């Protein structure tokens, strides 16, 4: 079975890639250079794709700085730092990139239909504080209907399936799953801040560090502050 994997190079998407591999899929990874603040993640995506043995890895280029709207695509918007987990859960954060997962899934759908893939894997999870509207189960269910209605395969009764294996998992549970699957955490990248050393204080770093700490595990990625 062929599967397209949305691979950012982060903890979640890397776990999903290894899950797809464990599911017996031929994995075709796709990453996106949208001129994000944290382009360092693409280096990790390349490394993860190499060590996991994907059939093919492609990086799609486009520039979401053209309209900004997020701290990840507009450097004039300050990146939240040193927030508590409770603070992160209050509202949709400025690191939300408008329609990002819809854009990503649209590319993945086109690629999947072109190569005759049966699945698209995505690493969204709804439980860990981010509040992103496009990381929730109802969104994935709605996009599944788009996949069914908007493709030749779907209209012929063989819709491409969106697989979101992490959707109901906490970050600690994702790490436990990744450990079982053999994900090389030291190659992954979660920091939003940019640069070659993870900041340790952005929301993504803090969520990751808190999960490793809760499990009593050491995160082998180096941090500027920890």
C-alpha atoms as a PDB file:
ATOM      1  CA  UNK A   1       0.000   0.000   0.000  1.00  0.00           C
ATOM      2  CA  UNK A   2       1.319   3.437  -0.959  1.00  0.00           C
ATOM      3  CA  UNK A   3       1.043   6.327   1.486  1.00  0.00           C
ATOM      4  CA  UNK A   4       1.962  10.001   1.372  1.00  0.00           C
ATOM      5  CA  UNK A   5       3.357  11.256   4.680  1.00  0.00           C
ATOM      6  CA  UNK A   6       3.276  14.919   5.689  1.00  0.00           C
ATOM      7  CA  UNK A   7       6.747  15.277   7.210  1.00  0.00           C
ATOM      8  CA  UNK A   8       7.804  18.504   8.916  1.00  0.00           C
ATOM      9  CA  UNK A   9      10.785  17.000  10.722  1.00  0.00           C
ATOM     10  CA  UNK A  10       9.106  17.445  14.083  1.00  0.00           C
ATOM     11  CA  UNK A  11       8.307  14.969  16.813  1.00  0.00           C
ATOM     12  CA  UNK A  12       4.733  14.282  15.712  1.00  0.00           C
ATOM     13  CA  UNK A  13       5.237  13.913  11.973  1.00  0.00           C
ATOM     14  CA  UNK A  14       8.318  11.744  12.450  1.00  0.00           C
ATOM     15  CA  UNK A  15       6.325   9.409  14.684  1.00  0.00           C
ATOM     16  CA  UNK A  16       3.603   9.239  12.048  1.00  0.00           C
ATOM     17  CA  UNK A  17       6.150   8.336   9.362  1.00  0.00           C
ATOM     18  CA  UNK A  18       7.453   5.484  11.487  1.00  0.00           C
ATOM     19  CA  UNK A  19       3.873   4.381  12.181  1.00  0.00           C
ATOM     20  CA  UNK A  20       3.118   4.305   8.454  1.00  0.00           C
ATOM     21  CA  UNK A  21       6.233   2.241   7.927  1.00  0.00           C
ATOM     22  CA  UNK A  22       5.131  -0.141  10.698  1.00  0.00           C
ATOM     23  CA  UNK A  23       1.728  -0.363   8.989  1.00  0.00           C
ATOM     24  CA  UNK A  24       3.509  -1.823   5.970  1.00  0.00           C
ATOM     25  CA  UNK A  25       3.157   1.204   3.709  1.00  0.00           C
ATOM     26  CA  UNK A  26       5.452   2.296   0.908  1.00  0.00           C
ATOM     27  CA  UNK A  27       6.153   5.781   2.233  1.00  0.00           C
ATOM     28  CA  UNK A  28       6.369   8.869   0.048  1.00  0.00           C
ATOM     29  CA  UNK A  29       7.264  11.835   2.251  1.00  0.00           C
ATOM     30  CA  UNK A  30       6.365  15.422   1.428  1.00  0.00           C
ATOM     31  CA  UNK A  31       7.680  18.498   3.252  1.00  0.00           C
ATOM     32  CA  UNK A  32       7.047  22.194   2.756  1.00  0.00           C
ATOM     33  CA  UNK A  33       9.378  25.161   2.565  1.00  0.00           C
ATOM     34  CA  UNK A  34       6.894  27.977   2.996  1.00  0.00           C
ATOM     35  CA  UNK A  35       9.567  30.416   4.218  1.00  0.00           C
ATOM     36  CA  UNK A  36       8.649  29.624   7.799  1.00  0.00           C
ATOM     37  CA  UNK A  37      10.587  31.193  10.637  1.00  0.00           C
ATOM     38  CA  UNK A  38      11.766  27.740  11.722  1.00  0.00           C
ATOM     39  CA  UNK A  39      13.225  26.518   8.436  1.00  0.00           C
ATOM     40  CA  UNK A  40      15.689  24.459  10.458  1.00  0.00           C
ATOM     41  CA  UNK A  41      12.949  21.821  10.647  1.00  0.00           C
ATOM     42  CA  UNK A  42      13.537  21.006   6.975  1.00  0.00           C
ATOM     43  CA  UNK A  43      17.035  19.727   7.761  1.00  0.00           C
ATOM     44  CA  UNK A  44      15.451  17.322  10.209  1.00  0.00           C
ATOM     45  CA  UNK A  45      12.844  16.281   7.665  1.00  0.00           C
ATOM     46  CA  UNK A  46      15.611  15.392   5.209  1.00  0.00           C
ATOM     47  CA  UNK A  47      17.485  13.373   7.834  1.00  0.00           C
ATOM     48  CA  UNK A  48      14.392  11.546   9.061  1.00  0.00           C
ATOM     49  CA  UNK A  49      13.401  10.693   5.498  1.00  0.00           C
ATOM     50  CA  UNK A  50      16.879   9.313   4.820  1.00  0.00           C
ATOM     51  CA  UNK A  51      17.215   7.144   7.920  1.00  0.00           C
ATOM     52  CA  UNK A  52      13.651   5.824   7.715  1.00  0.00           C
ATOM     53  CA  UNK A  53      14.109   4.639   4.148  1.00  0.00           C
ATOM     54  CA  UNK A  54      11.208   6.348   2.416  1.00  0.00           C
ATOM     55  CA  UNK A  55      10.691   5.561  -1.253  1.00  0.00           C
ATOM     56  CA  UNK A  56      10.872   9.263  -2.128  1.00  0.00           C
ATOM     57  CA  UNK A  57      11.020  12.585  -0.312  1.00  0.00           C
ATOM     58  CA  UNK A  58       9.960  15.843  -1.926  1.00  0.00           C
ATOM     59  CA  UNK A  59      10.094  19.415  -0.627  1.00  0.00           C
ATOM     60  CA  UNK A  60       7.459  21.766  -2.032  1.00  0.00           C
ATOM     61  CA  UNK A  61       8.354  25.472  -2.139  1.00  0.00           C
ATOM     62  CA  UNK A  62       5.949  28.372  -1.730  1.00  0.00           C
ATOM     63  CA  UNK A  63       6.034  31.612   0.246  1.00  0.00           C
ATOM     64  CA  UNK A  64       3.408  32.239   2.917  1.00  0.00           C
ATOM     65  CA  UNK A  65       5.202  35.439   3.931  1.00  0.00           C
ATOM     66  CA  UNK A  66       3.259  37.041   1.084  1.00  0.00           C
ATOM     67  CA  UNK A  67       0.331  37.521   3.436  1.00  0.00           C
ATOM     68  CA  UNK A  68       1.825  36.620   6.812  1.00  0.00           C
ATOM     69  CA  UNK A  69      -0.816  36.383   9.509  1.00  0.00           C
ATOM     70  CA  UNK A  70       1.266  34.220  11.833  1.00  0.00           C
ATOM     71  CA  UNK A  71       4.329  34.536  14.035  1.00  0.00           C
ATOM     72  CA  UNK A  72       5.802  31.737  11.913  1.00  0.00           C
ATOM     73  CA  UNK A  73       5.486  33.679   8.654  1.00  0.00           C
ATOM     74  CA  UNK A  74       5.767  37.304   9.819  1.00  0.00           C
ATOM     75  CA  UNK A  75       8.773  38.296  11.918  1.00  0.00           C
ATOM     76  CA  UNK A  76       6.934  41.435  13.037  1.00  0.00           C
ATOM     77  CA  UNK A  77       4.651  39.211  15.137  1.00  0.00           C
ATOM     78  CA  UNK A  78       6.387  38.284  18.381  1.00  0.00           C
ATOM     79  CA  UNK A  79       6.826  34.614  19.155  1.00  0.00           C
ATOM     80  CA  UNK A  80       5.294  33.674  22.539  1.00  0.00           C
ATOM     81  CA  UNK A  81       7.917  32.620  25.082  1.00  0.00           C
ATOM     82  CA  UNK A  82       8.015  31.055  28.545  1.00  0.00           C
ATOM     83  CA  UNK A  83       4.267  30.474  28.671  1.00  0.00           C
ATOM     84  CA  UNK A  84       2.771  27.935  31.039  1.00  0.00           C
ATOM     85  CA  UNK A  85       0.729  25.039  29.706  1.00  0.00           C
ATOM     86  CA  UNK A  86      -2.400  26.726  31.078  1.00  0.00           C
ATOM     87  CA  UNK A  87      -1.580  29.942  29.214  1.00  0.00           C
ATOM     88  CA  UNK A  88      -1.121  27.994  25.987  1.00  0.00           C
ATOM     89  CA  UNK A  89      -4.610  26.535  26.284  1.00  0.00           C
ATOM     90  CA  UNK A  90      -6.450  29.868  26.593  1.00  0.00           C
ATOM     91  CA  UNK A  91      -6.913  30.680  22.903  1.00  0.00           C
ATOM     92  CA  UNK A  92      -5.655  30.015  19.383  1.00  0.00           C
ATOM     93  CA  UNK A  93      -2.016  31.201  19.440  1.00  0.00           C
ATOM     94  CA  UNK A  94      -0.285  33.594  17.056  1.00  0.00           C
ATOM     95  CA  UNK A  95       1.765  30.633  15.793  1.00  0.00           C
ATOM     96  CA  UNK A  96      -1.350  29.375  14.009  1.00  0.00           C
ATOM     97  CA  UNK A  97      -0.694  29.677  10.262  1.00  0.00           C
ATOM     98  CA  UNK A  98      -3.979  30.427   8.462  1.00  0.00           C
ATOM     99  CA  UNK A  99      -5.228  27.361   6.561  1.00  0.00           C
ATOM    100  CA  UNK A 100      -1.810  25.675   6.712  1.00  0.00           C
ATOM    101  CA  UNK A 101      -3.032  22.114   7.089  1.00  0.00           C
ATOM    102  CA  UNK A 102      -5.634  22.656   4.382  1.00  0.00           C
ATOM    103  CA  UNK A 103      -2.857  23.788   2.055  1.00  0.00           C
ATOM    104  CA  UNK A 104      -0.625  20.883   3.070  1.00  0.00           C
ATOM    105  CA  UNK A 105      -3.375  18.292   2.714  1.00  0.00           C
ATOM    106  CA  UNK A 106      -4.323  19.674  -0.699  1.00  0.00           C
ATOM    107  CA  UNK A 107      -0.764  19.177  -1.946  1.00  0.00           C
ATOM    108  CA  UNK A 108      -0.656  15.725  -0.367  1.00  0.00           C
ATOM    109  CA  UNK A 109      -3.976  14.793  -1.966  1.00  0.00           C
ATOM    110  CA  UNK A 110      -2.794  15.807  -5.426  1.00  0.00           C
ATOM    111  CA  UNK A 111       0.440  13.883  -4.962  1.00  0.00           C
ATOM    112  CA  UNK A 112      -1.358  10.819  -3.581  1.00  0.00           C
ATOM    113  CA  UNK A 113      -3.806  10.655  -6.458  1.00  0.00           C
ATOM    114  CA  UNK A 114      -1.006  11.102  -8.989  1.00  0.00           C
ATOM    115  CA  UNK A 115       1.035   8.175  -7.648  1.00  0.00           C
ATOM    116  CA  UNK A 116      -1.966   5.999  -6.841  1.00  0.00           C
ATOM    117  CA  UNK A 117      -1.567   6.139  -3.061  1.00  0.00           C
ATOM    118  CA  UNK A 118      -4.345   4.888  -0.835  1.00  0.00           C
ATOM    119  CA  UNK A 119      -3.495   6.891   2.292  1.00  0.00           C
ATOM    120  CA  UNK A 120      -2.280  10.292   3.470  1.00  0.00           C
ATOM    121  CA  UNK A 121      -0.764  10.334   6.968  1.00  0.00           C
ATOM    122  CA  UNK A 122      -0.755  13.518   9.047  1.00  0.00           C
ATOM    123  CA  UNK A 123       0.584  14.099  12.566  1.00  0.00           C
ATOM    124  CA  UNK A 124      -2.110  16.330  14.017  1.00  0.00           C
ATOM    125  CA  UNK A 125      -3.158  15.850  17.614  1.00  0.00           C
ATOM    126  CA  UNK A 126      -5.946  17.689  19.380  1.00  0.00           C
ATOM    127  CA  UNK A 127      -5.087  17.231  23.048  1.00  0.00           C
ATOM    128  CA  UNK A 128      -1.905  19.177  23.713  1.00  0.00           C
ATOM    129  CA  UNK A 129      -2.726  22.828  24.283  1.00  0.00           C
ATOM    130  CA  UNK A 130      -2.058  24.255  20.827  1.00  0.00           C
ATOM    131  CA  UNK A 131      -5.708  25.008  20.105  1.00  0.00           C
ATOM    132  CA  UNK A 132      -5.106  24.974  16.361  1.00  0.00           C
ATOM    133  CA  UNK A 133      -8.449  24.612  14.547  1.00  0.00           C
ATOM    134  CA  UNK A 134      -6.910  22.440  11.819  1.00  0.00           C
ATOM    135  CA  UNK A 135      -5.563  19.847  14.262  1.00  0.00           C
ATOM    136  CA  UNK A 136      -8.946  18.632  15.470  1.00  0.00           C
ATOM    137  CA  UNK A 137     -10.968  15.536  14.652  1.00  0.00           C
ATOM    138  CA  UNK A 138     -13.911  17.412  13.126  1.00  0.00           C
ATOM    139  CA  UNK A 139     -11.517  19.154  10.739  1.00  0.00           C
ATOM    140  CA  UNK A 140      -9.938  15.850   9.668  1.00  0.00           C
ATOM    141  CA  UNK A 141     -13.399  14.367   9.141  1.00  0.00           C
ATOM    142  CA  UNK A 142     -14.386  17.344   6.981  1.00  0.00           C
ATOM    143  CA  UNK A 143     -11.209  17.050   4.907  1.00  0.00           C
ATOM    144  CA  UNK A 144     -11.881  13.343   4.445  1.00  0.00           C
ATOM    145  CA  UNK A 145     -15.157  14.322   2.790  1.00  0.00           C
ATOM    146  CA  UNK A 146     -13.246  16.733   0.529  1.00  0.00           C
ATOM    147  CA  UNK A 147     -10.943  13.853  -0.412  1.00  0.00           C
ATOM    148  CA  UNK A 148     -14.005  11.756  -1.279  1.00  0.00           C
ATOM    149  CA  UNK A 149     -15.856  14.395  -3.277  1.00  0.00           C
ATOM    150  CA  UNK A 150     -12.956  16.185  -4.926  1.00  0.00           C
ATOM    151  CA  UNK A 151     -10.986  13.368  -6.544  1.00  0.00           C
ATOM    152  CA  UNK A 152     -11.410  10.835  -9.314  1.00  0.00           C
ATOM    153  CA  UNK A 153     -10.554   8.031  -6.887  1.00  0.00           C
ATOM    154  CA  UNK A 154     -13.175   9.261  -4.453  1.00  0.00           C
ATOM    155  CA  UNK A 155     -15.914   9.524  -7.056  1.00  0.00           C
ATOM    156  CA  UNK A 156     -15.066   6.012  -8.241  1.00  0.00           C
ATOM    157  CA  UNK A 157     -15.609   4.665  -4.734  1.00  0.00           C
ATOM    158  CA  UNK A 158     -11.983   4.361  -3.634  1.00  0.00           C
ATOM    159  CA  UNK A 159     -11.311   7.586  -1.699  1.00  0.00           C
ATOM    160  CA  UNK A 160      -7.842   8.274  -0.367  1.00  0.00           C
ATOM    161  CA  UNK A 161      -7.925   7.840   3.398  1.00  0.00           C
ATOM    162  CA  UNK A 162      -6.582  10.458   5.794  1.00  0.00           C
ATOM    163  CA  UNK A 163      -4.799   8.650   8.626  1.00  0.00           C
ATOM    164  CA  UNK A 164      -4.230  10.697  11.788  1.00  0.00           C
ATOM    165  CA  UNK A 165      -2.914   8.147  14.299  1.00  0.00           C
ATOM    166  CA  UNK A 166      -2.007  10.750  16.933  1.00  0.00           C
ATOM    167  CA  UNK A 167      -5.290  12.642  16.961  1.00  0.00           C
ATOM    168  CA  UNK A 168      -6.306  11.534  20.468  1.00  0.00           C
ATOM    169  CA  UNK A 169      -2.846  11.163  22.002  1.00  0.00           C
ATOM    170  CA  UNK A 170      -1.100  13.396  24.520  1.00  0.00           C
ATOM    171  CA  UNK A 171       2.495  14.412  23.835  1.00  0.00           C
ATOM    172  CA  UNK A 172       3.730  11.900  26.405  1.00  0.00           C
ATOM    173  CA  UNK A 173       1.801   9.142  24.645  1.00  0.00           C
ATOM    174  CA  UNK A 174       3.245  10.181  21.293  1.00  0.00           C
ATOM    175  CA  UNK A 175       6.762   9.908  22.709  1.00  0.00           C
ATOM    176  CA  UNK A 176       5.967   6.476  24.134  1.00  0.00           C
ATOM    177  CA  UNK A 177       4.655   5.367  20.748  1.00  0.00           C
ATOM    178  CA  UNK A 178       7.712   6.796  19.015  1.00  0.00           C
ATOM    179  CA  UNK A 179       9.979   4.910  21.386  1.00  0.00           C
ATOM    180  CA  UNK A 180       8.220   1.674  20.473  1.00  0.00           C
ATOM    181  CA  UNK A 181       8.623   2.480  16.776  1.00  0.00           C
ATOM    182  CA  UNK A 182      12.288   3.490  17.089  1.00  0.00           C
ATOM    183  CA  UNK A 183      11.976   7.167  16.160  1.00  0.00           C
ATOM    184  CA  UNK A 184      15.409   8.868  16.430  1.00  0.00           C
ATOM    185  CA  UNK A 185      14.369  11.855  18.556  1.00  0.00           C
ATOM    186  CA  UNK A 186      17.813  13.446  18.325  1.00  0.00           C
ATOM    187  CA  UNK A 187      17.203  14.058  14.608  1.00  0.00           C
ATOM    188  CA  UNK A 188      13.811  15.722  15.065  1.00  0.00           C
ATOM    189  CA  UNK A 189      13.149  19.438  15.482  1.00  0.00           C
ATOM    190  CA  UNK A 190      10.293  21.203  17.259  1.00  0.00           C
ATOM    191  CA  UNK A 191      11.533  24.749  17.948  1.00  0.00           C
ATOM    192  CA  UNK A 192       9.664  27.670  16.378  1.00  0.00           C
ATOM    193  CA  UNK A 193      12.336  30.295  16.975  1.00  0.00           C
ATOM    194  CA  UNK A 194      14.674  29.674  14.062  1.00  0.00           C
ATOM    195  CA  UNK A 195      18.426  29.258  14.316  1.00  0.00           C
ATOM    196  CA  UNK A 196      20.485  26.121  14.743  1.00  0.00           C
ATOM    197  CA  UNK A 197      19.914  25.558  18.481  1.00  0.00           C
ATOM    198  CA  UNK A 198      16.445  25.009  19.921  1.00  0.00           C
ATOM    199  CA  UNK A 199      15.428  27.964  22.097  1.00  0.00           C
ATOM    200  CA  UNK A 200      13.803  25.990  24.920  1.00  0.00           C
ATOM    201  CA  UNK A 201      11.262  28.748  25.649  1.00  0.00           C
ATOM    202  CA  UNK A 202       8.799  28.843  22.733  1.00  0.00           C
ATOM    203  CA  UNK A 203       5.511  26.977  23.134  1.00  0.00           C
ATOM    204  CA  UNK A 204       6.646  24.061  20.997  1.00  0.00           C
ATOM    205  CA  UNK A 205       9.910  23.606  22.899  1.00  0.00           C
ATOM    206  CA  UNK A 206       8.153  23.830  26.255  1.00  0.00           C
ATOM    207  CA  UNK A 207       5.518  21.258  25.303  1.00  0.00           C
ATOM    208  CA  UNK A 208       8.206  18.892  24.095  1.00  0.00           C
ATOM    209  CA  UNK A 209      10.473  19.364  27.102  1.00  0.00           C
ATOM    210  CA  UNK A 210       7.572  18.986  29.530  1.00  0.00           C
ATOM    211  CA  UNK A 211       6.548  15.690  27.941  1.00  0.00           C
ATOM    212  CA  UNK A 212      10.051  14.217  28.061  1.00  0.00           C
ATOM    213  CA  UNK A 213      10.408  15.384  31.676  1.00  0.00           C
ATOM    214  CA  UNK A 214       7.063  13.865  32.659  1.00  0.00           C
ATOM    215  CA  UNK A 215       8.260  10.524  31.302  1.00  0.00           C
ATOM    216  CA  UNK A 216      11.612  10.836  33.065  1.00  0.00           C
ATOM    217  CA  UNK A 217      13.443  10.819  29.737  1.00  0.00           C
ATOM    218  CA  UNK A 218      16.222  13.024  28.420  1.00  0.00           C
ATOM    219  CA  UNK A 219      15.606  14.940  25.214  1.00  0.00           C
ATOM    220  CA  UNK A 220      18.826  14.598  23.236  1.00  0.00           C
ATOM    221  CA  UNK A 221      18.205  17.732  21.170  1.00  0.00           C
ATOM    222  CA  UNK A 222      20.392  20.594  22.522  1.00  0.00           C
ATOM    223  CA  UNK A 223      18.628  23.674  23.888  1.00  0.00           C
ATOM    224  CA  UNK A 224      19.855  27.230  24.429  1.00  0.00           C
ATOM    225  CA  UNK A 225      17.771  27.478  27.605  1.00  0.00           C
ATOM    226  CA  UNK A 226      16.470  24.597  29.652  1.00  0.00           C
END
